[in-house]
Protein backbone atom coordinates (compact mmCIF):
# COMPACT_ATOMS: atom_id res chain seq x y z
CA UNK A 1 -38.52 -9.48 7.20
CA UNK A 2 -34.93 -9.03 7.90
CA UNK A 3 -33.35 -5.84 9.18
CA UNK A 4 -31.40 -4.34 6.53
CA UNK A 5 -27.42 -5.14 6.96
CA UNK A 6 -24.72 -1.88 7.15
CA UNK A 7 -21.67 -0.94 6.18
CA UNK A 8 -19.03 1.24 7.37
CA UNK A 9 -15.76 2.00 5.66
CA UNK A 10 -13.30 3.04 8.80
CA UNK A 11 -10.45 2.08 5.94
CA UNK A 12 -9.06 2.97 2.78
CA UNK A 13 -12.18 6.39 2.20
CA UNK A 14 -11.20 9.18 0.60
CA UNK A 15 -7.09 7.27 0.60
CA UNK A 16 -5.64 4.53 -0.66
CA UNK A 17 -4.64 3.26 2.70
CA UNK A 18 -6.10 1.25 5.56
CA UNK A 19 -8.79 -1.08 3.96
CA UNK A 20 -11.21 -1.82 6.84
CA UNK A 21 -15.20 -2.27 5.89
CA UNK A 22 -16.95 -3.69 8.26
CA UNK A 23 -20.55 -5.04 7.63
CA UNK A 24 -23.40 -5.69 10.14
CA UNK A 25 -26.13 -8.26 9.74
CA UNK A 26 -28.47 -8.16 12.24
CA UNK A 27 -25.76 -9.80 15.24
CA UNK A 28 -23.37 -10.27 12.95
CA UNK A 29 -20.33 -8.17 12.35
CA UNK A 30 -17.86 -9.05 9.77
CA UNK A 31 -14.67 -7.65 8.91
CA UNK A 32 -13.04 -7.60 5.17
CA UNK A 33 -9.47 -6.73 5.80
CA UNK A 34 -7.63 -4.48 8.27
CA UNK A 35 -4.98 -2.96 7.09
CA UNK A 36 -2.41 0.17 8.25
CA UNK A 37 -2.90 3.12 7.47
CA UNK A 38 0.27 4.88 5.79
CA UNK A 39 0.77 8.48 4.26
CA UNK A 40 0.69 11.74 6.21
CA UNK A 41 1.57 11.46 9.99
CA UNK A 42 -1.88 12.44 11.16
CA UNK A 43 -3.10 9.35 8.99
CA UNK A 44 -0.33 7.02 10.41
CA UNK A 45 -1.47 8.37 14.02
CA UNK A 46 -4.58 6.52 13.95
CA UNK A 47 -2.30 3.10 13.28
CA UNK A 48 -1.97 3.75 17.13
CA UNK A 49 -5.49 4.38 18.48
CA UNK A 50 -8.21 2.37 18.91
CA UNK A 51 -10.43 0.60 16.83
CA UNK A 52 -14.60 2.76 16.07
CA UNK A 53 -15.47 -0.85 17.11
CA UNK A 54 -14.66 -3.29 19.51
CA UNK A 55 -12.55 -5.95 18.34
CA UNK A 56 -13.97 -8.74 20.95
CA UNK A 57 -17.49 -8.21 18.90
CA UNK A 58 -16.17 -8.98 15.67
CA UNK A 59 -17.46 -12.66 14.12
CA UNK A 60 -14.94 -12.94 11.18
CA UNK A 61 -12.13 -11.35 9.10
CA UNK A 62 -12.12 -12.20 4.94
CA UNK A 63 -9.07 -11.20 3.76
CA UNK A 64 -7.89 -9.65 0.12
CA UNK A 65 -5.02 -10.61 0.38
CA UNK A 66 -1.67 -10.10 2.21
CA UNK A 67 -0.45 -6.34 1.11
CA UNK A 68 0.29 -4.54 5.04
CA UNK A 69 -2.44 -1.50 4.11
CA UNK A 70 -4.80 -4.25 4.09
CA UNK A 71 -3.61 -6.78 6.58
CA UNK A 72 -1.06 -4.55 8.62
CA UNK A 73 -3.39 -3.80 11.58
CA UNK A 74 -4.83 -7.90 12.38
CA UNK A 75 -2.10 -8.29 15.02
CA UNK A 76 -3.20 -5.75 16.50
CA UNK A 77 -7.03 -6.75 16.10
CA UNK A 78 -6.10 -9.98 17.95
CA UNK A 79 -3.87 -7.51 20.61
CA UNK A 80 -7.30 -6.54 21.67
CA UNK A 81 -9.11 -9.23 22.01
CA UNK A 82 -10.69 -10.58 18.96
CA UNK A 83 -10.10 -14.67 18.38
CA UNK A 84 -12.40 -15.88 15.45
CA UNK A 85 -11.00 -16.43 12.29
CA UNK A 86 -9.31 -15.33 9.57
CA UNK A 87 -9.54 -16.33 6.07
CA UNK A 88 -7.87 -15.95 3.04
CA UNK A 89 -6.58 -17.84 -0.10
CA UNK A 90 -3.48 -20.60 1.01
CA UNK A 91 -0.76 -17.47 -1.00
CA UNK A 92 -2.49 -15.30 1.09
CA UNK A 93 -2.06 -17.09 4.24
CA UNK A 94 1.92 -17.59 3.36
CA UNK A 95 3.10 -14.40 2.56
CA UNK A 96 1.48 -13.34 5.61
CA UNK A 97 3.22 -15.45 7.67
CA UNK A 98 6.72 -13.61 6.68
CA UNK A 99 4.98 -9.91 5.91
CA UNK A 100 3.10 -9.78 9.66
CA UNK A 101 6.24 -10.70 11.34
CA UNK A 102 8.44 -8.72 9.67
CA UNK A 103 6.24 -5.30 10.63
CA UNK A 104 6.13 -5.98 14.16
CA UNK A 105 9.43 -6.33 13.83
CA UNK A 106 9.76 -2.91 11.94
CA UNK A 107 7.03 -1.33 14.45
CA UNK A 108 9.60 -2.49 16.85
CA UNK A 109 12.52 -1.17 15.89
CA UNK A 110 11.53 2.04 15.08
CA UNK A 111 9.44 2.47 18.22
CA UNK A 112 13.11 1.87 19.99
CA UNK A 113 14.75 4.45 17.64
CA UNK A 114 12.50 6.53 18.35
CA UNK A 115 12.02 6.43 22.00
CA UNK A 116 15.94 7.37 21.79
CA UNK A 117 15.90 10.43 20.70
CA UNK A 118 12.85 11.23 22.80
CA UNK A 119 14.28 10.05 26.04
CA UNK A 120 17.46 13.00 25.19
CA UNK A 121 14.25 15.09 24.43
CA UNK A 122 12.95 14.57 27.49
CA UNK A 123 9.77 13.80 25.20
CA UNK A 124 7.52 11.18 26.35
CA UNK A 125 8.55 7.75 25.24
CA UNK A 126 5.50 5.43 22.78
CA UNK A 127 4.87 1.82 22.26
CA UNK A 128 4.92 0.24 18.61
CA UNK A 129 1.23 -1.15 17.68
CA UNK A 130 1.90 -4.12 18.49
CA UNK A 131 4.40 -6.66 18.58
CA UNK A 132 6.12 -9.95 17.26
CA UNK A 133 4.10 -12.10 19.22
CA UNK A 134 0.90 -10.39 18.64
CA UNK A 135 2.11 -11.14 14.74
CA UNK A 136 2.86 -14.75 15.70
CA UNK A 137 -1.00 -14.65 17.77
CA UNK A 138 -2.84 -13.55 14.48
CA UNK A 139 -1.41 -15.86 12.07
CA UNK A 140 -2.51 -18.55 14.17
CA UNK A 141 -6.30 -17.23 13.68
CA UNK A 142 -6.19 -17.98 9.60
CA UNK A 143 -7.87 -20.81 7.67
CA UNK A 144 -7.37 -21.23 4.37
CA UNK A 145 -10.41 -20.94 1.68
CA UNK A 146 -9.38 -21.73 -1.60
CA UNK A 147 -10.86 -19.91 -4.39
CA UNK A 148 -14.86 -20.68 -5.36
CA UNK A 149 -15.53 -22.11 -2.39
CA UNK A 150 -17.98 -20.63 -0.64
CA UNK A 151 -17.91 -20.24 3.63
CA UNK A 152 -20.09 -19.50 5.97
CA UNK A 153 -19.02 -17.10 8.04
CA UNK A 154 -22.25 -16.17 10.60
CA UNK A 155 -25.85 -16.23 10.90
CA UNK A 156 -27.43 -15.49 7.05
CA UNK A 157 -24.01 -14.59 5.53
CA UNK A 158 -21.46 -16.92 3.45
CA UNK A 159 -18.64 -15.78 0.77
CA UNK A 160 -16.37 -17.25 -1.86
CA UNK A 161 -13.21 -15.91 -3.07
CA UNK A 162 -12.14 -14.90 -6.91
CA UNK A 163 -8.84 -13.76 -8.33
CA UNK A 164 -8.20 -10.20 -8.40
CA UNK A 165 -5.22 -10.91 -10.36
CA UNK A 166 -3.39 -8.04 -8.15
CA UNK A 167 -0.76 -10.50 -6.28
CA UNK A 168 -0.07 -13.89 -5.41
CA UNK A 169 -3.60 -15.37 -3.42
CA UNK A 170 -5.02 -11.96 -4.25
CA UNK A 171 -8.91 -12.42 -4.31
CA UNK A 172 -11.87 -10.16 -4.31
CA UNK A 173 -14.71 -11.05 -2.16
CA UNK A 174 -18.27 -12.57 -3.33
CA UNK A 175 -20.73 -12.27 -0.44
CA UNK A 176 -24.42 -13.14 0.06
CA UNK A 177 -26.99 -11.67 2.99
CA UNK A 178 -30.16 -13.58 3.57
CA UNK A 179 -31.21 -17.43 3.20
CA UNK A 180 -34.41 -16.91 0.95
CA UNK A 181 -34.10 -16.92 -2.47
CA UNK A 182 -32.73 -13.23 -3.48
CA UNK A 183 -30.33 -12.70 -0.95
CA UNK A 184 -28.49 -9.27 -1.24
CA UNK A 185 -24.93 -10.06 -3.07
CA UNK A 186 -22.61 -7.93 -2.13
CA UNK A 187 -18.69 -7.76 -4.72
CA UNK A 188 -15.74 -6.65 -2.74
CA UNK A 189 -13.10 -5.58 -5.30
CA UNK A 190 -9.95 -5.73 -2.88
CA UNK A 191 -7.21 -4.80 -5.15
CA UNK A 192 -7.34 -6.06 -8.89
CA UNK A 193 -4.81 -5.79 -11.12
CA UNK A 194 -3.90 -4.69 -14.53
CA UNK A 195 -3.35 -5.85 -17.97
CA UNK A 196 -0.75 -7.75 -19.04
CA UNK A 197 0.20 -8.39 -15.28
CA UNK A 198 3.77 -10.66 -15.50
CA UNK A 199 3.02 -12.84 -13.05
CA UNK A 200 -0.61 -12.62 -12.18
CA UNK A 201 -3.60 -14.23 -14.75
CA UNK A 202 -6.16 -11.74 -15.71
CA UNK A 203 -9.22 -11.10 -12.71
CA UNK A 204 -12.85 -12.65 -12.63
CA UNK A 205 -15.58 -12.64 -10.81
CA UNK A 206 -19.58 -13.22 -11.44
CA UNK A 207 -22.14 -10.71 -12.70
CA UNK A 208 -25.04 -9.77 -11.27
CA UNK A 209 -25.17 -7.49 -7.72
CA UNK A 210 -26.79 -4.93 -5.57
CA UNK A 211 -23.92 -3.22 -4.80
CA UNK A 212 -19.94 -4.00 -5.41
CA UNK A 213 -17.24 -1.91 -3.27
CA UNK A 214 -14.34 -0.88 -5.42
CA UNK A 215 -11.09 0.33 -5.72
CA UNK A 216 -10.26 3.14 -7.23
CA UNK A 217 -6.18 4.02 -6.68
CA UNK A 218 -5.32 5.05 -10.36
CA UNK A 219 -7.31 7.13 -12.80
CA UNK A 220 -4.67 7.14 -16.08
CA UNK A 221 -1.73 5.17 -16.48
CA UNK A 222 0.77 3.70 -18.53
CA UNK A 223 -0.26 0.96 -20.55
CA UNK A 224 2.69 -1.75 -21.18
CA UNK A 225 2.85 -5.39 -22.33
CA UNK A 226 6.00 -7.04 -21.63
CA UNK A 227 8.06 -6.40 -24.41
CA UNK A 228 6.86 -2.62 -24.12
CA UNK A 229 7.05 -3.13 -20.54
CA UNK A 230 11.03 -3.75 -21.14
CA UNK A 231 12.14 -2.36 -23.75
CA UNK A 232 10.81 0.77 -21.25
CA UNK A 233 12.60 -0.88 -17.99
CA UNK A 234 16.38 -0.83 -20.66
CA UNK A 235 16.15 2.54 -21.51
CA UNK A 236 16.22 3.38 -17.38
CA UNK A 237 19.08 0.94 -16.76
CA UNK A 238 21.32 2.14 -19.45
CA UNK A 239 20.60 5.72 -18.99
CA UNK A 240 21.31 5.26 -15.11
CA UNK A 241 24.79 3.08 -15.85
CA UNK A 242 27.26 5.38 -13.59
CA UNK A 243 30.47 3.66 -13.12
CA UNK A 244 30.43 4.46 -9.95
CA UNK A 245 27.13 5.31 -9.62
CA UNK A 246 24.34 2.87 -7.75
CA UNK A 247 19.84 2.39 -9.27
CA UNK A 248 17.68 2.58 -6.96
CA UNK A 249 14.86 1.23 -7.03
CA UNK A 250 11.98 1.59 -3.85
CA UNK A 251 10.21 -1.73 -4.03
CA UNK A 252 7.84 -3.33 -2.20
CA UNK A 253 8.97 -6.00 -1.06
CA UNK A 254 6.76 -8.64 -2.02
CA UNK A 255 5.72 -9.25 -6.26
CA UNK A 256 7.00 -5.71 -7.34
CA UNK A 257 10.12 -6.79 -6.43
CA UNK A 258 9.45 -10.75 -7.97
CA UNK A 259 8.47 -8.83 -10.91
CA UNK A 260 11.33 -6.61 -11.12
CA UNK A 261 13.90 -9.53 -10.67
CA UNK A 262 12.09 -11.16 -13.69
CA UNK A 263 12.49 -8.12 -15.65
CA UNK A 264 15.74 -7.25 -14.81
CA UNK A 265 17.29 -10.60 -15.00
CA UNK A 266 16.06 -12.19 -18.97
CA UNK A 267 17.16 -8.12 -20.01
CA UNK A 268 20.66 -8.96 -18.78
CA UNK A 269 20.56 -12.32 -20.08
CA UNK A 270 19.46 -11.34 -23.82
CA UNK A 271 22.05 -8.84 -23.55
CA UNK A 272 19.77 -6.21 -23.46
CA UNK A 273 21.51 -4.16 -20.76
CA UNK A 274 25.40 -5.47 -19.59
CA UNK A 275 25.21 -7.95 -16.47
CA UNK A 276 25.72 -6.17 -13.21
CA UNK A 277 24.94 -6.83 -9.91
CA UNK A 278 21.80 -6.77 -8.43
CA UNK A 279 21.02 -7.05 -4.78
CA UNK A 280 17.92 -7.71 -3.08
CA UNK A 281 18.77 -5.82 -0.12
CA UNK A 282 15.61 -6.95 2.35
CA UNK A 283 14.96 -9.85 4.44
CA UNK A 284 10.77 -9.44 3.49
CA UNK A 285 11.57 -9.72 0.40
CA UNK A 286 14.25 -12.76 -0.09
CA UNK A 287 11.38 -15.03 2.53
CA UNK A 288 8.51 -13.56 -0.42
CA UNK A 289 10.58 -15.15 -3.19
CA UNK A 290 10.57 -18.39 -1.73
CA UNK A 291 6.68 -18.17 -1.11
CA UNK A 292 6.78 -17.25 -4.99
CA UNK A 293 9.05 -19.82 -6.09
CA UNK A 294 6.85 -22.48 -4.60
CA UNK A 295 3.79 -21.17 -5.79
CA UNK A 296 5.57 -20.43 -9.27
CA UNK A 297 3.03 -23.17 -10.49
CA UNK A 298 -0.10 -20.86 -9.68
CA UNK A 299 1.84 -17.93 -11.32
CA UNK A 300 1.87 -16.69 -14.94
CA UNK A 301 5.61 -17.20 -16.02
CA UNK A 302 6.80 -18.88 -13.16
CA UNK A 303 9.15 -20.47 -15.00
CA UNK A 304 10.85 -17.39 -15.80
CA UNK A 305 10.82 -16.41 -11.74
CA UNK A 306 12.44 -19.08 -10.87
CA UNK A 307 15.15 -18.76 -13.42
CA UNK A 308 15.57 -15.07 -12.48
CA UNK A 309 15.75 -16.06 -8.08
CA UNK A 310 18.01 -18.62 -9.74
CA UNK A 311 20.68 -16.14 -11.40
CA UNK A 312 24.07 -15.97 -10.33
CA UNK A 313 24.73 -11.84 -10.35
CA UNK A 314 21.79 -12.11 -7.91
CA UNK A 315 22.88 -11.53 -4.37
CA UNK A 316 19.95 -11.42 -1.11
CA UNK A 317 21.16 -9.69 1.96
CA UNK A 318 19.71 -11.22 5.28
CA UNK A 319 21.90 -9.95 8.39
CA UNK A 320 22.21 -5.80 8.99
CA UNK A 321 26.52 -6.10 8.71
CA UNK A 322 25.85 -7.76 4.71
CA UNK A 323 23.21 -4.66 3.98
CA UNK A 324 25.60 -2.68 5.43
CA UNK A 325 28.50 -3.94 3.43
CA UNK A 326 25.92 -3.10 -0.09
CA UNK A 327 27.53 1.03 0.37
CA UNK A 328 30.83 -0.74 0.06
CA UNK A 329 30.63 -2.02 -3.45
CA UNK A 330 32.71 -0.61 -6.48
CA UNK A 331 30.92 -0.26 -9.68
CA UNK A 332 27.38 -0.18 -11.02
CA UNK A 333 25.14 -1.47 -9.21
CA UNK A 334 21.57 -1.95 -8.75
CA UNK A 335 19.53 -2.46 -5.35
CA UNK A 336 16.10 -3.01 -4.84
CA UNK A 337 14.78 -2.37 -1.41
CA UNK A 338 11.67 -2.11 0.72
CA UNK A 339 9.74 0.50 1.60
CA UNK A 340 8.21 1.01 -1.88
CA UNK A 341 7.29 4.21 -0.24
CA UNK A 342 10.61 4.69 0.84
CA UNK A 343 8.33 5.04 4.66
CA UNK A 344 10.98 2.83 6.55
CA UNK A 345 12.91 -0.95 5.72
CA UNK A 346 16.93 -0.87 4.24
CA UNK A 347 15.90 1.81 1.20
CA UNK A 348 16.10 4.57 3.58
CA UNK A 349 19.56 3.45 4.26
CA UNK A 350 20.37 3.49 0.57
CA UNK A 351 18.65 6.65 -0.06
CA UNK A 352 20.92 8.38 2.66
CA UNK A 353 23.82 7.04 1.26
CA UNK A 354 22.83 8.06 -2.08
CA UNK A 355 20.54 10.43 -2.36
CA UNK A 356 23.10 13.17 -2.79
CA UNK A 357 25.32 11.96 -5.54
CA UNK A 358 24.45 12.96 -9.09
CA UNK A 359 25.48 9.58 -10.09
CA UNK A 360 22.75 7.91 -8.35
CA UNK A 361 19.04 7.38 -9.61
CA UNK A 362 16.23 6.73 -7.28
CA UNK A 363 13.57 4.13 -10.07
CA UNK A 364 9.88 5.09 -7.82
CA UNK A 365 8.15 1.74 -9.41
CA UNK A 366 4.90 1.77 -7.43
CA UNK A 367 2.14 3.87 -5.61
CA UNK A 368 3.27 6.89 -3.01
CA UNK A 369 0.97 7.94 -1.20
CA UNK A 370 0.48 11.52 -0.04
CA UNK A 371 2.96 12.86 2.18
CA UNK A 372 5.68 10.10 2.15
CA UNK A 373 8.62 9.95 1.55
CA UNK A 374 7.94 8.26 -2.38
CA UNK A 375 6.00 11.22 -2.60
CA UNK A 376 8.15 14.19 -1.99
CA UNK A 377 10.54 12.77 -3.87
CA UNK A 378 8.57 12.29 -6.79
CA UNK A 379 7.40 15.67 -6.42
CA UNK A 380 10.33 17.06 -6.38
CA UNK A 381 11.47 17.90 -3.56
CA UNK A 382 15.22 19.38 -3.36
CA UNK A 383 16.22 18.86 0.64
CA UNK A 384 14.45 15.73 2.07
CA UNK A 385 15.08 15.16 5.92
CA UNK A 386 16.53 11.35 6.53
CA UNK A 387 16.46 9.34 10.15
CA UNK A 388 16.70 13.26 11.41
CA UNK A 389 19.78 14.33 8.77
CA UNK A 390 18.09 16.69 5.86
CA UNK A 391 19.81 15.27 2.74
CA UNK A 392 20.32 17.42 -0.49
CA UNK A 393 18.90 15.75 -3.53
CA UNK A 394 20.90 15.27 -6.18
CA UNK A 395 19.98 11.71 -7.78
CA UNK A 396 17.74 11.37 -11.14
CA UNK A 397 14.43 10.69 -9.91
CA UNK A 398 12.54 8.92 -12.27
CA UNK A 399 9.47 7.50 -11.74
CA UNK A 400 7.52 3.91 -13.57
CA UNK A 401 4.30 2.49 -14.11
CA UNK A 402 4.17 0.16 -15.95
CA UNK A 403 4.45 -1.98 -12.59
CA UNK A 404 1.86 -1.02 -11.04
CA UNK A 405 -0.41 -3.72 -9.26
CA UNK A 406 -3.67 -1.91 -9.77
CA UNK A 407 -5.76 -1.72 -12.94
CA UNK A 408 -5.69 2.00 -14.81
CA UNK A 409 -9.28 3.83 -14.60
CA UNK A 410 -10.30 2.23 -17.66
CA UNK A 411 -9.47 -1.21 -17.04
CA UNK A 412 -11.67 -0.49 -13.25
CA UNK A 413 -14.26 0.38 -15.58
CA UNK A 414 -14.41 -2.14 -17.57
CA UNK A 415 -13.83 -4.27 -14.63
CA UNK A 416 -17.08 -2.70 -13.29
CA UNK A 417 -19.00 -2.85 -16.79
CA UNK A 418 -18.61 -6.39 -17.26
CA UNK A 419 -19.60 -7.20 -13.48
CA UNK A 420 -23.22 -5.83 -14.73
CA UNK A 421 -26.00 -5.83 -13.61
CA UNK A 422 -25.77 -4.14 -10.20
CA UNK A 423 -28.89 -2.85 -9.10
CA UNK A 424 -28.29 -0.31 -5.68
CA UNK A 425 -25.07 1.09 -6.22
CA UNK A 426 -20.93 1.02 -6.26
CA UNK A 427 -19.57 2.18 -3.15
CA UNK A 428 -15.59 4.01 -4.67
CA UNK A 429 -12.64 3.41 -2.19
CA UNK A 430 -8.88 2.61 -2.30
CA UNK A 431 -8.17 6.38 -3.86
CA UNK A 432 -7.50 9.97 -3.88
CA UNK A 433 -9.80 12.69 -4.03
CA UNK A 434 -8.83 12.83 -8.00
CA UNK A 435 -8.55 8.99 -8.83
CA UNK A 436 -12.07 8.74 -7.01
CA UNK A 437 -13.64 11.41 -9.19
CA UNK A 438 -11.74 10.50 -12.39
CA UNK A 439 -13.47 6.92 -11.92
CA UNK A 440 -16.82 8.03 -10.95
CA UNK A 441 -16.60 9.90 -14.39
CA UNK A 442 -16.05 6.77 -16.02
CA UNK A 443 -18.51 5.24 -14.90
CA UNK A 444 -21.08 6.94 -15.03
CA UNK A 445 -21.25 7.39 -18.79
CA UNK A 446 -23.12 3.74 -17.75
CA UNK A 447 -24.10 3.79 -14.21
CA UNK A 448 -26.76 6.29 -12.49
CA UNK A 449 -24.98 8.96 -10.75
CA UNK A 450 -26.82 8.12 -7.60
CA UNK A 451 -25.30 4.63 -7.57
CA UNK A 452 -22.06 5.84 -7.31
CA UNK A 453 -20.56 6.91 -3.77
CA UNK A 454 -18.11 8.06 -2.44
CA UNK A 455 -17.55 7.03 0.73
CA UNK A 456 -15.44 9.40 3.70
CA UNK A 457 -14.12 7.75 6.79
CA UNK A 458 -15.89 5.87 9.21
CA UNK A 459 -18.83 7.05 7.20
CA UNK A 460 -22.12 3.79 7.45
CA UNK A 461 -24.61 3.29 5.06
CA UNK A 462 -27.61 0.79 5.30
CA UNK A 463 -27.85 -1.54 2.60
CA UNK A 464 -31.51 -1.70 0.63
CA UNK A 465 -32.51 -3.80 -2.10
CA UNK A 466 -32.67 -0.39 -4.02
CA UNK A 467 -30.02 1.55 -2.77
CA UNK A 468 -27.48 2.87 0.01
CA UNK A 469 -28.96 5.06 2.89
CA UNK A 470 -26.19 7.12 4.74
CA UNK A 471 -27.34 6.96 8.26
CA UNK A 472 -25.80 9.08 11.63
CA UNK A 473 -24.81 6.48 13.51
CA UNK A 474 -21.12 7.29 13.19
CA UNK A 475 -17.90 7.60 15.17
CA UNK A 476 -17.72 10.48 17.70
CA UNK A 477 -15.58 12.38 18.21
CA UNK A 478 -14.22 11.91 14.77
CA UNK A 479 -10.96 9.90 14.69
CA UNK A 480 -9.75 12.62 12.36
CA UNK A 481 -11.30 15.53 9.46
CA UNK A 482 -12.59 13.65 6.68
CA UNK A 483 -11.85 16.15 3.91
CA UNK A 484 -8.22 15.99 4.75
CA UNK A 485 -7.30 12.37 4.71
CA UNK A 486 -5.23 11.28 1.74
CA UNK A 487 -3.40 15.02 1.80
CA UNK A 488 -0.40 16.17 3.49
CA UNK A 489 -1.02 17.22 7.11
CA UNK A 490 0.82 20.57 9.04
CA UNK A 491 4.02 17.82 9.92
CA UNK A 492 4.42 18.25 5.82
CA UNK A 493 3.93 21.53 6.06
CA UNK A 494 6.36 22.81 9.09
CA UNK A 495 9.13 20.18 7.56
CA UNK A 496 8.53 21.93 4.17
CA UNK A 497 8.94 24.85 5.92
CA UNK A 498 12.06 24.74 7.76
CA UNK A 499 13.97 23.12 4.19
CA UNK A 500 13.22 26.36 2.26
CA UNK A 501 13.81 28.90 5.00
CA UNK A 502 17.27 26.98 5.14
CA UNK A 503 16.90 27.21 1.83
CA UNK A 504 16.90 30.96 1.83
CA UNK A 505 19.41 31.57 4.34
CA UNK A 506 21.80 29.59 2.67
CA UNK A 507 20.86 31.97 -0.70
CA UNK A 508 21.78 35.30 1.91
CA UNK A 509 25.07 36.92 0.66
CA UNK A 510 26.09 37.24 4.56
CA UNK A 511 25.63 37.33 8.09
CA UNK A 512 23.66 40.61 7.66
CA UNK A 513 20.98 39.53 4.78
CA UNK A 514 20.46 36.32 7.26
CA UNK A 515 19.17 38.12 9.86
CA UNK A 516 16.86 40.12 7.65
CA UNK A 517 15.37 37.14 6.82
CA UNK A 518 15.11 35.69 10.24
CA UNK A 519 13.62 38.84 11.55
CA UNK A 520 10.97 38.76 8.53
CA UNK A 521 9.93 35.75 9.88
CA UNK A 522 9.71 36.65 13.35
CA UNK A 523 7.46 39.49 12.58
CA UNK A 524 4.88 37.19 11.07
CA UNK A 525 4.88 34.76 13.87
CA UNK A 526 4.16 37.54 15.80
CA UNK A 527 1.21 38.93 13.56
CA UNK A 528 -0.30 35.39 13.82
CA UNK A 529 -0.15 35.64 17.60
């Protein structure tokens, strides 16, 4: 009799980042994704800690797509001894070949800046999560698997990829465990793309499963076909067009940037908006755009993308000097820069230069995880801290969900419904509390309540043929309080307190009034002590 396999959720459980699921069957251990945590400092600290498993014992990694929250800890996995295959689609392999070295560069440069500050403050220095060398080693482990092709990854375990419609090369993972006439069938959704995605065809997968592991990023989101999406973008560009201003678009360098570029160039070619410089201020976006150009035949509207990349008013910055020169541009211009959540990269330099100006507009076009600078701006912060400086927010902050790479609640429910029958359970992952509960409510209209499971970080389940049973074998002590995952933390709270205090002091009439505010704060601290 076959021992029932288990699944452990070591990321994207109660949060949208750090995707990582470990499937164990007998002596075989398969990792599905190995992503970087983003969001609050508490969550990001998980990137620096050890894995809750021994990397040397993993037999294979299956990667759903190249986004860093799914692939970003692969170099660390390799650094700590993993030397098995990383199975991915050809396009995912190509994208990771530029995204992982870029991620390593960001780790090294940010740690270098932090260590300079720590030395000045007398604090301990830190080491990067991984280096460019670790990323290079990880890339050598990739093994390309085309959509629909079965691949054996361990004794009695095989898988194949299905188009997920989310990103160039993105895939859902069909996994079969067992060699008998009725193997256990699992489907990992990966990230599922929405309808009307500019560059991606709709997601596909077979029917009839024991378990589905389903993303839950969004509950509700604006729906827009090509014409409606471009009409909405046109309105934002025209409203932002100040003679001495700039439209800053924090954007994921891979696919979101290429989608925006395609639509902006189309609007300018058709005269819907005046032509102006479009600066792609991201070396990663430049390299990714070249990969998209090579794979254009695999993309829906690939020809329009190529026209956008080759447009005369589009400029790609490569060097730091070219990026710095963007701040010298006069007249209205559009800058698309990574990262999409404003957590790293050149967008932070652009925001530092423009946020305090009322002639600037910041257009958020992607999901902003809790605790990120992008989420703070989205929620209306009046002052933010960037590179150690407090910046007053006077720029217009706008939000568009029409470029999301994720299906919303109704689309996900339709996708799951089309996968039926699902006999044993659906695990809801890759979402925060509100979204997880919203997706659960939608699925409960056609699936039994006890089949809908919301795993917490590092929780484990035994996968029986009739239902999943949570098991007590968990990480001890917990890496992080599971209840705090996907939320702001004390780092966010203290930063807000400092900014609120500065605001109160600025509003005080004179030094005497400021002294009263400070004495009240001190009394409160003494009472707590």
